[in-house]
């Protein structure tokens, strides 16, 4: 859990991330690209 190393490792799997984990990532300055964002799990995205 050292950023940005952890983010790069978990990135291919983020489309299965629950809302709580995305909220935690939002505090880590990960600079997510828009193509990743729009493909996040729908219920997780809508809760942000």
ModelCIF file with pLDDT and N, C-alpha, C, O atoms, coordinates in Angstrom:
data_MODEL
#
_entry.id   MODEL 
#
_entity.id                         1 
_entity.type                       polymer 
_entity.pdbx_number_of_molecules   1 
#
_entity_poly.entity_id                      1 
_entity_poly.type                           'polypeptide(L)' 
_entity_poly.nstd_linkage                   no 
_entity_poly.nstd_monomer                   no 
_entity_poly.pdbx_seq_one_letter_code       
;(UNK)(UNK)(UNK)(UNK)(UNK)(UNK)(UNK)(UNK)(UNK)(UNK)(UNK)(UNK)(UNK)(UNK)(UNK)(UNK)
(UNK)(UNK)(UNK)(UNK)(UNK)(UNK)(UNK)(UNK)(UNK)(UNK)(UNK)(UNK)(UNK)(UNK)(UNK)(UNK)
(UNK)(UNK)(UNK)(UNK)(UNK)(UNK)(UNK)(UNK)(UNK)(UNK)(UNK)(UNK)(UNK)(UNK)(UNK)(UNK)
;
_entity_poly.pdbx_seq_one_letter_code_can   XXXXXXXXXXXXXXXXXXXXXXXXXXXXXXXXXXXXXXXXXXXXXXXX 
_entity_poly.pdbx_strand_id                 A 
#
loop_
_entity_poly_seq.entity_id 
_entity_poly_seq.num 
_entity_poly_seq.mon_id 
_entity_poly_seq.hetero 
1 1  UNK n 
1 2  UNK n 
1 3  UNK n 
1 4  UNK n 
1 5  UNK n 
1 6  UNK n 
1 7  UNK n 
1 8  UNK n 
1 9  UNK n 
1 10 UNK n 
1 11 UNK n 
1 12 UNK n 
1 13 UNK n 
1 14 UNK n 
1 15 UNK n 
1 16 UNK n 
1 17 UNK n 
1 18 UNK n 
1 19 UNK n 
1 20 UNK n 
1 21 UNK n 
1 22 UNK n 
1 23 UNK n 
1 24 UNK n 
1 25 UNK n 
1 26 UNK n 
1 27 UNK n 
1 28 UNK n 
1 29 UNK n 
1 30 UNK n 
1 31 UNK n 
1 32 UNK n 
1 33 UNK n 
1 34 UNK n 
1 35 UNK n 
1 36 UNK n 
1 37 UNK n 
1 38 UNK n 
1 39 UNK n 
1 40 UNK n 
1 41 UNK n 
1 42 UNK n 
1 43 UNK n 
1 44 UNK n 
1 45 UNK n 
1 46 UNK n 
1 47 UNK n 
1 48 UNK n 
#
_struct_asym.id          A 
_struct_asym.entity_id   1 
#
loop_
_ma_qa_metric.id 
_ma_qa_metric.mode 
_ma_qa_metric.name 
_ma_qa_metric.software_group_id 
_ma_qa_metric.type 
1 global pLDDT . pLDDT 
2 local  pLDDT . pLDDT 
#
_ma_qa_metric_global.metric_id      1 
_ma_qa_metric_global.metric_value   95.58 
_ma_qa_metric_global.model_id       1 
_ma_qa_metric_global.ordinal_id     1 
#
loop_
_ma_qa_metric_local.label_asym_id 
_ma_qa_metric_local.label_comp_id 
_ma_qa_metric_local.label_seq_id 
_ma_qa_metric_local.metric_id 
_ma_qa_metric_local.metric_value 
_ma_qa_metric_local.model_id 
_ma_qa_metric_local.ordinal_id 
A UNK 1  2 74.00 1 1  
A UNK 2  2 84.00 1 2  
A UNK 3  2 88.00 1 3  
A UNK 4  2 90.00 1 4  
A UNK 5  2 91.00 1 5  
A UNK 6  2 94.00 1 6  
A UNK 7  2 95.00 1 7  
A UNK 8  2 94.00 1 8  
A UNK 9  2 95.00 1 9  
A UNK 10 2 96.00 1 10 
A UNK 11 2 97.00 1 11 
A UNK 12 2 96.00 1 12 
A UNK 13 2 97.00 1 13 
A UNK 14 2 98.00 1 14 
A UNK 15 2 98.00 1 15 
A UNK 16 2 98.00 1 16 
A UNK 17 2 98.00 1 17 
A UNK 18 2 98.00 1 18 
A UNK 19 2 98.00 1 19 
A UNK 20 2 98.00 1 20 
A UNK 21 2 97.00 1 21 
A UNK 22 2 98.00 1 22 
A UNK 23 2 97.00 1 23 
A UNK 24 2 95.00 1 24 
A UNK 25 2 96.00 1 25 
A UNK 26 2 97.00 1 26 
A UNK 27 2 95.00 1 27 
A UNK 28 2 94.00 1 28 
A UNK 29 2 89.00 1 29 
A UNK 30 2 95.00 1 30 
A UNK 31 2 97.00 1 31 
A UNK 32 2 98.00 1 32 
A UNK 33 2 97.00 1 33 
A UNK 34 2 98.00 1 34 
A UNK 35 2 97.00 1 35 
A UNK 36 2 97.00 1 36 
A UNK 37 2 98.00 1 37 
A UNK 38 2 98.00 1 38 
A UNK 39 2 98.00 1 39 
A UNK 40 2 98.00 1 40 
A UNK 41 2 97.00 1 41 
A UNK 42 2 97.00 1 42 
A UNK 43 2 98.00 1 43 
A UNK 44 2 98.00 1 44 
A UNK 45 2 98.00 1 45 
A UNK 46 2 98.00 1 46 
A UNK 47 2 98.00 1 47 
A UNK 48 2 98.00 1 48 
#
loop_
_atom_site.group_PDB 
_atom_site.id 
_atom_site.type_symbol 
_atom_site.label_atom_id 
_atom_site.label_alt_id 
_atom_site.label_comp_id 
_atom_site.label_asym_id 
_atom_site.label_entity_id 
_atom_site.label_seq_id 
_atom_site.pdbx_PDB_ins_code 
_atom_site.Cartn_x 
_atom_site.Cartn_y 
_atom_site.Cartn_z 
_atom_site.occupancy 
_atom_site.B_iso_or_equiv 
_atom_site.pdbx_formal_charge 
_atom_site.auth_seq_id 
_atom_site.auth_comp_id 
_atom_site.auth_asym_id 
_atom_site.auth_atom_id 
_atom_site.pdbx_PDB_model_num 
ATOM 1   N N  . UNK A 1 1  ? 0.827   -1.209 0.000   1.00 74.00 ? 1  UNK A N  1 
ATOM 2   C CA . UNK A 1 1  ? 0.000   0.000  0.000   1.00 74.00 ? 1  UNK A CA 1 
ATOM 3   C C  . UNK A 1 1  ? 0.861   1.257  0.000   1.00 74.00 ? 1  UNK A C  1 
ATOM 4   O O  . UNK A 1 1  ? 0.759   2.090  0.901   1.00 74.00 ? 1  UNK A O  1 
ATOM 5   N N  . UNK A 1 2  ? 1.690   1.385  -0.996  1.00 84.00 ? 2  UNK A N  1 
ATOM 6   C CA . UNK A 1 2  ? 2.494   2.588  -1.197  1.00 84.00 ? 2  UNK A CA 1 
ATOM 7   C C  . UNK A 1 2  ? 2.075   3.169  -2.542  1.00 84.00 ? 2  UNK A C  1 
ATOM 8   O O  . UNK A 1 2  ? 2.155   2.490  -3.566  1.00 84.00 ? 2  UNK A O  1 
ATOM 9   N N  . UNK A 1 3  ? 1.637   4.403  -2.544  1.00 88.00 ? 3  UNK A N  1 
ATOM 10  C CA . UNK A 1 3  ? 1.173   5.027  -3.778  1.00 88.00 ? 3  UNK A CA 1 
ATOM 11  C C  . UNK A 1 3  ? 2.307   5.793  -4.448  1.00 88.00 ? 3  UNK A C  1 
ATOM 12  O O  . UNK A 1 3  ? 3.137   6.386  -3.759  1.00 88.00 ? 3  UNK A O  1 
ATOM 13  N N  . UNK A 1 4  ? 2.359   5.791  -5.792  1.00 90.00 ? 4  UNK A N  1 
ATOM 14  C CA . UNK A 1 4  ? 1.373   5.237  -6.731  1.00 90.00 ? 4  UNK A CA 1 
ATOM 15  C C  . UNK A 1 4  ? 1.587   3.765  -7.091  1.00 90.00 ? 4  UNK A C  1 
ATOM 16  O O  . UNK A 1 4  ? 0.872   3.247  -7.949  1.00 90.00 ? 4  UNK A O  1 
ATOM 17  N N  . UNK A 1 5  ? 2.535   3.082  -6.473  1.00 91.00 ? 5  UNK A N  1 
ATOM 18  C CA . UNK A 1 5  ? 2.827   1.693  -6.840  1.00 91.00 ? 5  UNK A CA 1 
ATOM 19  C C  . UNK A 1 5  ? 1.600   0.799  -6.674  1.00 91.00 ? 5  UNK A C  1 
ATOM 20  O O  . UNK A 1 5  ? 1.293   0.000  -7.559  1.00 91.00 ? 5  UNK A O  1 
ATOM 21  N N  . UNK A 1 6  ? 0.895   0.927  -5.544  1.00 94.00 ? 6  UNK A N  1 
ATOM 22  C CA . UNK A 1 6  ? -0.283  0.087  -5.301  1.00 94.00 ? 6  UNK A CA 1 
ATOM 23  C C  . UNK A 1 6  ? -1.351  0.348  -6.361  1.00 94.00 ? 6  UNK A C  1 
ATOM 24  O O  . UNK A 1 6  ? -1.979  -0.585 -6.862  1.00 94.00 ? 6  UNK A O  1 
ATOM 25  N N  . UNK A 1 7  ? -1.549  1.606  -6.693  1.00 95.00 ? 7  UNK A N  1 
ATOM 26  C CA . UNK A 1 7  ? -2.579  1.960  -7.685  1.00 95.00 ? 7  UNK A CA 1 
ATOM 27  C C  . UNK A 1 7  ? -2.278  1.330  -9.037  1.00 95.00 ? 7  UNK A C  1 
ATOM 28  O O  . UNK A 1 7  ? -3.190  0.840  -9.702  1.00 95.00 ? 7  UNK A O  1 
ATOM 29  N N  . UNK A 1 8  ? -1.045  1.331  -9.445  1.00 94.00 ? 8  UNK A N  1 
ATOM 30  C CA . UNK A 1 8  ? -0.679  0.743  -10.742 1.00 94.00 ? 8  UNK A CA 1 
ATOM 31  C C  . UNK A 1 8  ? -0.926  -0.767 -10.746 1.00 94.00 ? 8  UNK A C  1 
ATOM 32  O O  . UNK A 1 8  ? -1.290  -1.336 -11.775 1.00 94.00 ? 8  UNK A O  1 
ATOM 33  N N  . UNK A 1 9  ? -0.729  -1.410 -9.604  1.00 95.00 ? 9  UNK A N  1 
ATOM 34  C CA . UNK A 1 9  ? -0.945  -2.853 -9.510  1.00 95.00 ? 9  UNK A CA 1 
ATOM 35  C C  . UNK A 1 9  ? -2.432  -3.206 -9.532  1.00 95.00 ? 9  UNK A C  1 
ATOM 36  O O  . UNK A 1 9  ? -2.833  -4.177 -10.174 1.00 95.00 ? 9  UNK A O  1 
ATOM 37  N N  . UNK A 1 10 ? -3.242  -2.421 -8.835  1.00 96.00 ? 10 UNK A N  1 
ATOM 38  C CA . UNK A 1 10 ? -4.668  -2.722 -8.697  1.00 96.00 ? 10 UNK A CA 1 
ATOM 39  C C  . UNK A 1 10 ? -5.484  -2.196 -9.881  1.00 96.00 ? 10 UNK A C  1 
ATOM 40  O O  . UNK A 1 10 ? -6.627  -2.609 -10.073 1.00 96.00 ? 10 UNK A O  1 
ATOM 41  N N  . UNK A 1 11 ? -4.913  -1.300 -10.665 1.00 97.00 ? 11 UNK A N  1 
ATOM 42  C CA . UNK A 1 11 ? -5.626  -0.624 -11.754 1.00 97.00 ? 11 UNK A CA 1 
ATOM 43  C C  . UNK A 1 11 ? -6.383  -1.572 -12.698 1.00 97.00 ? 11 UNK A C  1 
ATOM 44  O O  . UNK A 1 11 ? -7.540  -1.288 -13.008 1.00 97.00 ? 11 UNK A O  1 
ATOM 45  N N  . UNK A 1 12 ? -5.789  -2.692 -13.176 1.00 96.00 ? 12 UNK A N  1 
ATOM 46  C CA . UNK A 1 12 ? -6.528  -3.553 -14.110 1.00 96.00 ? 12 UNK A CA 1 
ATOM 47  C C  . UNK A 1 12 ? -7.783  -4.178 -13.506 1.00 96.00 ? 12 UNK A C  1 
ATOM 48  O O  . UNK A 1 12 ? -8.638  -4.678 -14.237 1.00 96.00 ? 12 UNK A O  1 
ATOM 49  N N  . UNK A 1 13 ? -7.898  -4.154 -12.189 1.00 97.00 ? 13 UNK A N  1 
ATOM 50  C CA . UNK A 1 13 ? -9.010  -4.822 -11.508 1.00 97.00 ? 13 UNK A CA 1 
ATOM 51  C C  . UNK A 1 13 ? -10.026 -3.843 -10.915 1.00 97.00 ? 13 UNK A C  1 
ATOM 52  O O  . UNK A 1 13 ? -10.989 -4.268 -10.277 1.00 97.00 ? 13 UNK A O  1 
ATOM 53  N N  . UNK A 1 14 ? -9.823  -2.539 -11.119 1.00 98.00 ? 14 UNK A N  1 
ATOM 54  C CA . UNK A 1 14 ? -10.644 -1.533 -10.447 1.00 98.00 ? 14 UNK A CA 1 
ATOM 55  C C  . UNK A 1 14 ? -12.115 -1.549 -10.850 1.00 98.00 ? 14 UNK A C  1 
ATOM 56  O O  . UNK A 1 14 ? -12.953 -1.010 -10.128 1.00 98.00 ? 14 UNK A O  1 
ATOM 57  N N  . UNK A 1 15 ? -12.444 -2.157 -11.988 1.00 98.00 ? 15 UNK A N  1 
ATOM 58  C CA . UNK A 1 15 ? -13.845 -2.183 -12.404 1.00 98.00 ? 15 UNK A CA 1 
ATOM 59  C C  . UNK A 1 15 ? -14.694 -3.061 -11.489 1.00 98.00 ? 15 UNK A C  1 
ATOM 60  O O  . UNK A 1 15 ? -15.916 -3.103 -11.624 1.00 98.00 ? 15 UNK A O  1 
ATOM 61  N N  . UNK A 1 16 ? -14.049 -3.756 -10.566 1.00 98.00 ? 16 UNK A N  1 
ATOM 62  C CA . UNK A 1 16 ? -14.783 -4.544 -9.587  1.00 98.00 ? 16 UNK A CA 1 
ATOM 63  C C  . UNK A 1 16 ? -14.709 -3.952 -8.188  1.00 98.00 ? 16 UNK A C  1 
ATOM 64  O O  . UNK A 1 16 ? -15.114 -4.601 -7.224  1.00 98.00 ? 16 UNK A O  1 
ATOM 65  N N  . UNK A 1 17 ? -14.200 -2.735 -8.061  1.00 98.00 ? 17 UNK A N  1 
ATOM 66  C CA . UNK A 1 17 ? -14.000 -2.128 -6.740  1.00 98.00 ? 17 UNK A CA 1 
ATOM 67  C C  . UNK A 1 17 ? -15.293 -1.606 -6.136  1.00 98.00 ? 17 UNK A C  1 
ATOM 68  O O  . UNK A 1 17 ? -16.073 -0.955 -6.833  1.00 98.00 ? 17 UNK A O  1 
ATOM 69  N N  . UNK A 1 18 ? -15.544 -1.875 -4.848  1.00 98.00 ? 18 UNK A N  1 
ATOM 70  C CA . UNK A 1 18 ? -16.724 -1.311 -4.181  1.00 98.00 ? 18 UNK A CA 1 
ATOM 71  C C  . UNK A 1 18 ? -16.516 0.169  -3.900  1.00 98.00 ? 18 UNK A C  1 
ATOM 72  O O  . UNK A 1 18 ? -15.400 0.680  -3.989  1.00 98.00 ? 18 UNK A O  1 
ATOM 73  N N  . UNK A 1 19 ? -17.598 0.845  -3.563  1.00 98.00 ? 19 UNK A N  1 
ATOM 74  C CA . UNK A 1 19 ? -17.548 2.291  -3.355  1.00 98.00 ? 19 UNK A CA 1 
ATOM 75  C C  . UNK A 1 19 ? -16.567 2.680  -2.257  1.00 98.00 ? 19 UNK A C  1 
ATOM 76  O O  . UNK A 1 19 ? -15.843 3.666  -2.398  1.00 98.00 ? 19 UNK A O  1 
ATOM 77  N N  . UNK A 1 20 ? -16.532 1.922  -1.169  1.00 98.00 ? 20 UNK A N  1 
ATOM 78  C CA . UNK A 1 20 ? -15.660 2.268  -0.044  1.00 98.00 ? 20 UNK A CA 1 
ATOM 79  C C  . UNK A 1 20 ? -14.198 2.335  -0.460  1.00 98.00 ? 20 UNK A C  1 
ATOM 80  O O  . UNK A 1 20 ? -13.456 3.198  0.008   1.00 98.00 ? 20 UNK A O  1 
ATOM 81  N N  . UNK A 1 21 ? -13.781 1.426  -1.339  1.00 97.00 ? 21 UNK A N  1 
ATOM 82  C CA . UNK A 1 21 ? -12.381 1.412  -1.780  1.00 97.00 ? 21 UNK A CA 1 
ATOM 83  C C  . UNK A 1 21 ? -12.088 2.583  -2.713  1.00 97.00 ? 21 UNK A C  1 
ATOM 84  O O  . UNK A 1 21 ? -10.993 3.143  -2.683  1.00 97.00 ? 21 UNK A O  1 
ATOM 85  N N  . UNK A 1 22 ? -13.059 2.953  -3.537  1.00 98.00 ? 22 UNK A N  1 
ATOM 86  C CA . UNK A 1 22 ? -12.860 4.105  -4.426  1.00 98.00 ? 22 UNK A CA 1 
ATOM 87  C C  . UNK A 1 22 ? -12.779 5.396  -3.616  1.00 98.00 ? 22 UNK A C  1 
ATOM 88  O O  . UNK A 1 22 ? -12.002 6.294  -3.940  1.00 98.00 ? 22 UNK A O  1 
ATOM 89  N N  . UNK A 1 23 ? -13.581 5.481  -2.567  1.00 97.00 ? 23 UNK A N  1 
ATOM 90  C CA . UNK A 1 23 ? -13.537 6.665  -1.704  1.00 97.00 ? 23 UNK A CA 1 
ATOM 91  C C  . UNK A 1 23 ? -12.172 6.777  -1.032  1.00 97.00 ? 23 UNK A C  1 
ATOM 92  O O  . UNK A 1 23 ? -11.642 7.875  -0.860  1.00 97.00 ? 23 UNK A O  1 
ATOM 93  N N  . UNK A 1 24 ? -11.608 5.628  -0.654  1.00 95.00 ? 24 UNK A N  1 
ATOM 94  C CA . UNK A 1 24 ? -10.276 5.631  -0.052  1.00 95.00 ? 24 UNK A CA 1 
ATOM 95  C C  . UNK A 1 24 ? -9.230  6.067  -1.069  1.00 95.00 ? 24 UNK A C  1 
ATOM 96  O O  . UNK A 1 24 ? -8.322  6.831  -0.742  1.00 95.00 ? 24 UNK A O  1 
ATOM 97  N N  . UNK A 1 25 ? -9.355  5.584  -2.301  1.00 96.00 ? 25 UNK A N  1 
ATOM 98  C CA . UNK A 1 25 ? -8.408  5.976  -3.353  1.00 96.00 ? 25 UNK A CA 1 
ATOM 99  C C  . UNK A 1 25 ? -8.482  7.471  -3.654  1.00 96.00 ? 25 UNK A C  1 
ATOM 100 O O  . UNK A 1 25 ? -7.484  8.083  -4.034  1.00 96.00 ? 25 UNK A O  1 
ATOM 101 N N  . UNK A 1 26 ? -9.674  8.059  -3.482  1.00 97.00 ? 26 UNK A N  1 
ATOM 102 C CA . UNK A 1 26 ? -9.844  9.478  -3.803  1.00 97.00 ? 26 UNK A CA 1 
ATOM 103 C C  . UNK A 1 26 ? -8.986  10.372 -2.907  1.00 97.00 ? 26 UNK A C  1 
ATOM 104 O O  . UNK A 1 26 ? -8.764  11.543 -3.217  1.00 97.00 ? 26 UNK A O  1 
ATOM 105 N N  . UNK A 1 27 ? -8.514  9.821  -1.814  1.00 95.00 ? 27 UNK A N  1 
ATOM 106 C CA . UNK A 1 27 ? -7.670  10.610 -0.890  1.00 95.00 ? 27 UNK A CA 1 
ATOM 107 C C  . UNK A 1 27 ? -6.182  10.406 -1.161  1.00 95.00 ? 27 UNK A C  1 
ATOM 108 O O  . UNK A 1 27 ? -5.335  10.908 -0.422  1.00 95.00 ? 27 UNK A O  1 
ATOM 109 N N  . UNK A 1 28 ? -5.867  9.660  -2.232  1.00 94.00 ? 28 UNK A N  1 
ATOM 110 C CA . UNK A 1 28 ? -4.467  9.301  -2.468  1.00 94.00 ? 28 UNK A CA 1 
ATOM 111 C C  . UNK A 1 28 ? -3.855  9.942  -3.721  1.00 94.00 ? 28 UNK A C  1 
ATOM 112 O O  . UNK A 1 28 ? -2.746  9.585  -4.117  1.00 94.00 ? 28 UNK A O  1 
ATOM 113 N N  . UNK A 1 29 ? -4.567  10.879 -4.341  1.00 89.00 ? 29 UNK A N  1 
ATOM 114 C CA . UNK A 1 29 ? -4.005  11.601 -5.487  1.00 89.00 ? 29 UNK A CA 1 
ATOM 115 C C  . UNK A 1 29 ? -3.539  10.642 -6.591  1.00 89.00 ? 29 UNK A C  1 
ATOM 116 O O  . UNK A 1 29 ? -2.388  10.694 -7.025  1.00 89.00 ? 29 UNK A O  1 
ATOM 117 N N  . UNK A 1 30 ? -4.456  9.759  -7.040  1.00 95.00 ? 30 UNK A N  1 
ATOM 118 C CA . UNK A 1 30 ? -4.080  8.735  -8.019  1.00 95.00 ? 30 UNK A CA 1 
ATOM 119 C C  . UNK A 1 30 ? -4.189  9.204  -9.466  1.00 95.00 ? 30 UNK A C  1 
ATOM 120 O O  . UNK A 1 30 ? -3.658  8.548  -10.362 1.00 95.00 ? 30 UNK A O  1 
ATOM 121 N N  . UNK A 1 31 ? -4.875  10.340 -9.715  1.00 97.00 ? 31 UNK A N  1 
ATOM 122 C CA . UNK A 1 31 ? -5.012  10.868 -11.084 1.00 97.00 ? 31 UNK A CA 1 
ATOM 123 C C  . UNK A 1 31 ? -5.564  9.813  -12.048 1.00 97.00 ? 31 UNK A C  1 
ATOM 124 O O  . UNK A 1 31 ? -4.966  9.523  -13.084 1.00 97.00 ? 31 UNK A O  1 
ATOM 125 N N  . UNK A 1 32 ? -6.707  9.254  -11.687 1.00 98.00 ? 32 UNK A N  1 
ATOM 126 C CA . UNK A 1 32 ? -7.359  8.248  -12.529 1.00 98.00 ? 32 UNK A CA 1 
ATOM 127 C C  . UNK A 1 32 ? -7.746  8.858  -13.874 1.00 98.00 ? 32 UNK A C  1 
ATOM 128 O O  . UNK A 1 32 ? -8.234  9.987  -13.928 1.00 98.00 ? 32 UNK A O  1 
ATOM 129 N N  . UNK A 1 33 ? -7.528  8.111  -14.963 1.00 97.00 ? 33 UNK A N  1 
ATOM 130 C CA . UNK A 1 33 ? -7.929  8.645  -16.268 1.00 97.00 ? 33 UNK A CA 1 
ATOM 131 C C  . UNK A 1 33 ? -9.420  8.408  -16.482 1.00 97.00 ? 33 UNK A C  1 
ATOM 132 O O  . UNK A 1 33 ? -10.019 7.539  -15.848 1.00 97.00 ? 33 UNK A O  1 
ATOM 133 N N  . UNK A 1 34 ? -10.001 9.178  -17.368 1.00 98.00 ? 34 UNK A N  1 
ATOM 134 C CA . UNK A 1 34 ? -11.454 9.166  -17.548 1.00 98.00 ? 34 UNK A CA 1 
ATOM 135 C C  . UNK A 1 34 ? -11.954 7.834  -18.097 1.00 98.00 ? 34 UNK A C  1 
ATOM 136 O O  . UNK A 1 34 ? -13.075 7.432  -17.784 1.00 98.00 ? 34 UNK A O  1 
ATOM 137 N N  . UNK A 1 35 ? -11.164 7.143  -18.899 1.00 97.00 ? 35 UNK A N  1 
ATOM 138 C CA . UNK A 1 35 ? -11.591 5.857  -19.455 1.00 97.00 ? 35 UNK A CA 1 
ATOM 139 C C  . UNK A 1 35 ? -11.742 4.813  -18.352 1.00 97.00 ? 35 UNK A C  1 
ATOM 140 O O  . UNK A 1 35 ? -12.617 3.951  -18.429 1.00 97.00 ? 35 UNK A O  1 
ATOM 141 N N  . UNK A 1 36 ? -10.898 4.887  -17.335 1.00 97.00 ? 36 UNK A N  1 
ATOM 142 C CA . UNK A 1 36 ? -11.040 3.994  -16.186 1.00 97.00 ? 36 UNK A CA 1 
ATOM 143 C C  . UNK A 1 36 ? -12.261 4.390  -15.367 1.00 97.00 ? 36 UNK A C  1 
ATOM 144 O O  . UNK A 1 36 ? -13.025 3.529  -14.930 1.00 97.00 ? 36 UNK A O  1 
ATOM 145 N N  . UNK A 1 37 ? -12.445 5.678  -15.161 1.00 98.00 ? 37 UNK A N  1 
ATOM 146 C CA . UNK A 1 37 ? -13.552 6.178  -14.340 1.00 98.00 ? 37 UNK A CA 1 
ATOM 147 C C  . UNK A 1 37 ? -14.907 5.755  -14.881 1.00 98.00 ? 37 UNK A C  1 
ATOM 148 O O  . UNK A 1 37 ? -15.750 5.285  -14.118 1.00 98.00 ? 37 UNK A O  1 
ATOM 149 N N  . UNK A 1 38 ? -15.137 5.910  -16.174 1.00 98.00 ? 38 UNK A N  1 
ATOM 150 C CA . UNK A 1 38 ? -16.465 5.633  -16.736 1.00 98.00 ? 38 UNK A CA 1 
ATOM 151 C C  . UNK A 1 38 ? -16.760 4.139  -16.808 1.00 98.00 ? 38 UNK A C  1 
ATOM 152 O O  . UNK A 1 38 ? -17.893 3.741  -17.078 1.00 98.00 ? 38 UNK A O  1 
ATOM 153 N N  . UNK A 1 39 ? -15.751 3.317  -16.571 1.00 98.00 ? 39 UNK A N  1 
ATOM 154 C CA . UNK A 1 39 ? -15.969 1.869  -16.580 1.00 98.00 ? 39 UNK A CA 1 
ATOM 155 C C  . UNK A 1 39 ? -15.977 1.263  -15.179 1.00 98.00 ? 39 UNK A C  1 
ATOM 156 O O  . UNK A 1 39 ? -15.970 0.042  -15.024 1.00 98.00 ? 39 UNK A O  1 
ATOM 157 N N  . UNK A 1 40 ? -15.993 2.112  -14.172 1.00 98.00 ? 40 UNK A N  1 
ATOM 158 C CA . UNK A 1 40 ? -16.095 1.621  -12.801 1.00 98.00 ? 40 UNK A CA 1 
ATOM 159 C C  . UNK A 1 40 ? -17.453 0.959  -12.584 1.00 98.00 ? 40 UNK A C  1 
ATOM 160 O O  . UNK A 1 40 ? -18.400 1.189  -13.336 1.00 98.00 ? 40 UNK A O  1 
ATOM 161 N N  . UNK A 1 41 ? -17.527 0.143  -11.556 1.00 97.00 ? 41 UNK A N  1 
ATOM 162 C CA . UNK A 1 41 ? -18.801 -0.504 -11.229 1.00 97.00 ? 41 UNK A CA 1 
ATOM 163 C C  . UNK A 1 41 ? -19.861 0.576  -11.043 1.00 97.00 ? 41 UNK A C  1 
ATOM 164 O O  . UNK A 1 41 ? -19.641 1.545  -10.316 1.00 97.00 ? 41 UNK A O  1 
ATOM 165 N N  . UNK A 1 42 ? -21.016 0.411  -11.700 1.00 97.00 ? 42 UNK A N  1 
ATOM 166 C CA . UNK A 1 42 ? -22.011 1.476  -11.738 1.00 97.00 ? 42 UNK A CA 1 
ATOM 167 C C  . UNK A 1 42 ? -22.476 1.921  -10.349 1.00 97.00 ? 42 UNK A C  1 
ATOM 168 O O  . UNK A 1 42 ? -22.544 3.120  -10.078 1.00 97.00 ? 42 UNK A O  1 
ATOM 169 N N  . UNK A 1 43 ? -22.794 0.977  -9.475  1.00 98.00 ? 43 UNK A N  1 
ATOM 170 C CA . UNK A 1 43 ? -23.281 1.369  -8.152  1.00 98.00 ? 43 UNK A CA 1 
ATOM 171 C C  . UNK A 1 43 ? -22.200 2.090  -7.353  1.00 98.00 ? 43 UNK A C  1 
ATOM 172 O O  . UNK A 1 43 ? -22.499 2.974  -6.550  1.00 98.00 ? 43 UNK A O  1 
ATOM 173 N N  . UNK A 1 44 ? -20.954 1.714  -7.574  1.00 98.00 ? 44 UNK A N  1 
ATOM 174 C CA . UNK A 1 44 ? -19.849 2.380  -6.877  1.00 98.00 ? 44 UNK A CA 1 
ATOM 175 C C  . UNK A 1 44 ? -19.680 3.808  -7.373  1.00 98.00 ? 44 UNK A C  1 
ATOM 176 O O  . UNK A 1 44 ? -19.506 4.732  -6.578  1.00 98.00 ? 44 UNK A O  1 
ATOM 177 N N  . UNK A 1 45 ? -19.730 3.986  -8.675  1.00 98.00 ? 45 UNK A N  1 
ATOM 178 C CA . UNK A 1 45 ? -19.567 5.317  -9.268  1.00 98.00 ? 45 UNK A CA 1 
ATOM 179 C C  . UNK A 1 45 ? -20.680 6.257  -8.810  1.00 98.00 ? 45 UNK A C  1 
ATOM 180 O O  . UNK A 1 45 ? -20.428 7.413  -8.471  1.00 98.00 ? 45 UNK A O  1 
ATOM 181 N N  . UNK A 1 46 ? -21.916 5.747  -8.804  1.00 98.00 ? 46 UNK A N  1 
ATOM 182 C CA . UNK A 1 46 ? -23.053 6.596  -8.466  1.00 98.00 ? 46 UNK A CA 1 
ATOM 183 C C  . UNK A 1 46 ? -23.033 7.056  -7.012  1.00 98.00 ? 46 UNK A C  1 
ATOM 184 O O  . UNK A 1 46 ? -23.698 8.036  -6.675  1.00 98.00 ? 46 UNK A O  1 
ATOM 185 N N  . UNK A 1 47 ? -22.297 6.382  -6.156  1.00 98.00 ? 47 UNK A N  1 
ATOM 186 C CA . UNK A 1 47 ? -22.264 6.752  -4.742  1.00 98.00 ? 47 UNK A CA 1 
ATOM 187 C C  . UNK A 1 47 ? -21.197 7.792  -4.427  1.00 98.00 ? 47 UNK A C  1 
ATOM 188 O O  . UNK A 1 47 ? -21.118 8.273  -3.297  1.00 98.00 ? 47 UNK A O  1 
ATOM 189 N N  . UNK A 1 48 ? -20.377 8.145  -5.413  1.00 98.00 ? 48 UNK A N  1 
ATOM 190 C CA . UNK A 1 48 ? -19.294 9.104  -5.184  1.00 98.00 ? 48 UNK A CA 1 
ATOM 191 C C  . UNK A 1 48 ? -19.812 10.535 -5.189  1.00 98.00 ? 48 UNK A C  1 
ATOM 192 O O  . UNK A 1 48 ? -19.035 11.473 -5.011  1.00 98.00 ? 48 UNK A O  1 
#
